[in-house]
Amino acid sequence: MEMPMKTLWVFLFGCALMGCDTFSRGSSLAANTGVAVQAVLATTCGIIPDPNEIGDAGCVTEEPVEAVVRVLDGESRLVREFVTGSDGTFNVALAPGSYVLVATTDAPAEIISEVREEVAVQDGVLREVTLRFSTAIR
């Protein structure tokens, strides 16, 4: 039985909004293989050399931010693309391997609007990844 096109679009739109990026039927992947993404806007009270070396925790705040995340394989081919929720989170199923997450967000000019993060996925592991957007001032 063929699904009407309108129903398919409604389903896909609903999945995009609700984050129902699931494993396909018959998948041999473990139910928890992939990445759990958290996108945040990191603001500091001073200049830091690297957003991943935030130093004094009293000087940094992180707020969830909605982002578009592209998952690229080792050959820079697009594997998946998704939008995080307003809370900045999204879980995505991926086969074991090496990937690059490329996240973008709508941000004022003083905020770095693209973040890249390399990630290795292991079978049976849901890898937690925080994507930090920060000020462009260094």
Protein backbone atom coordinates (compact mmCIF):
# COMPACT_ATOMS: atom_id res chain seq x y z
CA MET A 1 0.00 0.00 0.00
CA GLU A 2 1.46 3.36 -1.02
CA MET A 3 1.47 6.25 1.46
CA PRO A 4 -0.10 9.45 0.06
CA MET A 5 2.50 12.19 -0.49
CA LYS A 6 0.73 14.65 1.83
CA THR A 7 0.80 12.12 4.69
CA LEU A 8 4.50 11.48 4.07
CA TRP A 9 5.30 15.21 4.24
CA VAL A 10 3.28 15.63 7.42
CA PHE A 11 5.14 12.70 8.98
CA LEU A 12 8.57 14.03 7.93
CA PHE A 13 7.73 17.55 9.15
CA GLY A 14 6.50 16.15 12.46
CA CYS A 15 9.68 14.11 12.84
CA ALA A 16 11.80 17.17 12.14
CA LEU A 17 9.96 19.11 14.84
CA MET A 18 9.75 16.34 17.41
CA GLY A 19 13.18 14.82 16.79
CA CYS A 20 12.08 11.31 15.90
CA ASP A 21 15.30 10.32 14.19
CA THR A 22 15.11 6.59 14.78
CA PHE A 23 16.84 3.47 13.60
CA SER A 24 15.40 1.87 10.49
CA ARG A 25 13.59 -1.44 10.83
CA GLY A 26 15.90 -4.40 10.76
CA SER A 27 18.89 -2.31 11.78
CA SER A 28 21.72 -4.33 13.24
CA LEU A 29 22.94 -1.37 15.31
CA ALA A 30 22.58 -1.46 19.06
CA ALA A 31 19.68 0.74 20.18
CA ASN A 32 22.09 3.18 21.79
CA THR A 33 24.77 3.55 19.08
CA GLY A 34 25.33 7.12 17.93
CA VAL A 35 25.68 10.58 19.43
CA ALA A 36 23.75 12.64 21.96
CA VAL A 37 24.27 16.28 20.96
CA GLN A 38 23.96 19.33 23.21
CA ALA A 39 24.40 22.70 21.47
CA VAL A 40 25.14 25.65 23.76
CA LEU A 41 26.03 29.31 23.54
CA ALA A 42 29.04 29.84 25.83
CA THR A 43 29.61 33.37 27.07
CA THR A 44 32.56 34.44 29.17
CA CYS A 45 33.46 37.42 31.28
CA GLY A 46 36.89 37.65 29.64
CA ILE A 47 38.94 36.51 26.69
CA ILE A 48 39.88 32.84 26.56
CA PRO A 49 42.19 31.12 24.05
CA ASP A 50 39.97 28.11 23.35
CA PRO A 51 36.23 27.59 24.07
CA ASN A 52 36.99 24.01 25.17
CA GLU A 53 39.43 25.30 27.82
CA ILE A 54 37.00 27.49 29.71
CA GLY A 55 39.03 27.79 32.91
CA ASP A 56 37.25 29.53 35.77
CA ALA A 57 33.74 28.03 35.83
CA GLY A 58 32.44 31.15 37.60
CA CYS A 59 33.29 33.15 34.53
CA VAL A 60 31.41 31.08 31.90
CA THR A 61 27.72 30.58 31.27
CA GLU A 62 26.22 28.15 28.80
CA GLU A 63 22.71 28.47 27.44
CA PRO A 64 21.01 25.93 25.15
CA VAL A 65 20.75 27.03 21.53
CA GLU A 66 18.89 25.60 18.55
CA ALA A 67 21.28 24.50 15.81
CA VAL A 68 21.33 22.72 12.45
CA VAL A 69 23.82 19.85 12.64
CA ARG A 70 25.27 18.06 9.61
CA VAL A 71 27.02 14.72 10.13
CA LEU A 72 29.84 14.09 7.64
CA ASP A 73 31.71 10.82 7.15
CA GLY A 74 35.48 10.44 6.66
CA GLU A 75 35.11 11.38 2.98
CA SER A 76 33.21 14.60 3.90
CA ARG A 77 29.95 13.15 2.55
CA LEU A 78 26.70 14.13 4.25
CA VAL A 79 25.41 11.22 6.32
CA ARG A 80 22.62 12.91 8.33
CA GLU A 81 21.27 16.37 8.99
CA PHE A 82 19.03 17.38 11.88
CA VAL A 83 17.87 20.34 13.94
CA THR A 84 18.29 20.31 17.69
CA GLY A 85 15.33 21.16 19.89
CA SER A 86 15.01 24.56 21.54
CA ASP A 87 16.82 22.94 24.49
CA GLY A 88 19.82 22.34 22.20
CA THR A 89 19.59 18.54 22.35
CA PHE A 90 19.19 15.76 19.83
CA ASN A 91 20.11 12.07 19.72
CA VAL A 92 21.08 10.58 16.37
CA ALA A 93 21.72 6.94 15.47
CA LEU A 94 24.99 6.36 13.63
CA ALA A 95 26.93 3.28 12.60
CA PRO A 96 30.30 2.85 14.31
CA GLY A 97 32.96 5.00 12.67
CA SER A 98 34.52 8.44 12.55
CA TYR A 99 32.43 11.51 11.80
CA VAL A 100 32.62 15.28 11.78
CA LEU A 101 29.67 17.21 13.23
CA VAL A 102 29.23 20.63 11.62
CA ALA A 103 26.76 22.79 13.53
CA THR A 104 25.43 26.19 12.52
CA THR A 105 23.13 28.58 14.31
CA ASP A 106 21.54 31.95 13.65
CA ALA A 107 23.62 34.25 15.77
CA PRO A 108 24.64 37.88 16.04
CA ALA A 109 27.87 38.84 14.23
CA GLU A 110 29.96 38.65 17.40
CA ILE A 111 29.07 34.98 17.90
CA ILE A 112 30.90 32.24 15.99
CA SER A 113 28.04 30.70 13.98
CA GLU A 114 29.72 27.41 12.92
CA VAL A 115 31.27 24.74 15.12
CA ARG A 116 33.05 21.57 13.94
CA GLU A 117 33.66 18.57 16.17
CA GLU A 118 35.25 15.22 15.29
CA VAL A 119 33.61 12.25 16.95
CA ALA A 120 34.27 8.50 17.02
CA VAL A 121 31.20 6.29 17.40
CA GLN A 122 31.54 2.82 18.92
CA ASP A 123 28.97 0.02 18.69
CA GLY A 124 26.65 0.07 21.69
CA VAL A 125 27.77 3.52 22.86
CA LEU A 126 25.76 6.74 22.80
CA ARG A 127 28.56 9.32 22.75
CA GLU A 128 27.76 12.66 24.42
CA VAL A 129 29.00 15.69 22.47
CA THR A 130 28.70 19.34 23.48
CA LEU A 131 28.89 21.82 20.60
CA ARG A 132 29.88 25.23 21.99
CA PHE A 133 29.16 28.41 20.07
CA SER A 134 31.15 31.26 21.57
CA THR A 135 32.09 34.87 20.97
CA ALA A 136 34.43 35.57 18.08
CA ILE A 137 36.48 37.90 20.33
CA ARG A 138 39.71 36.23 21.48
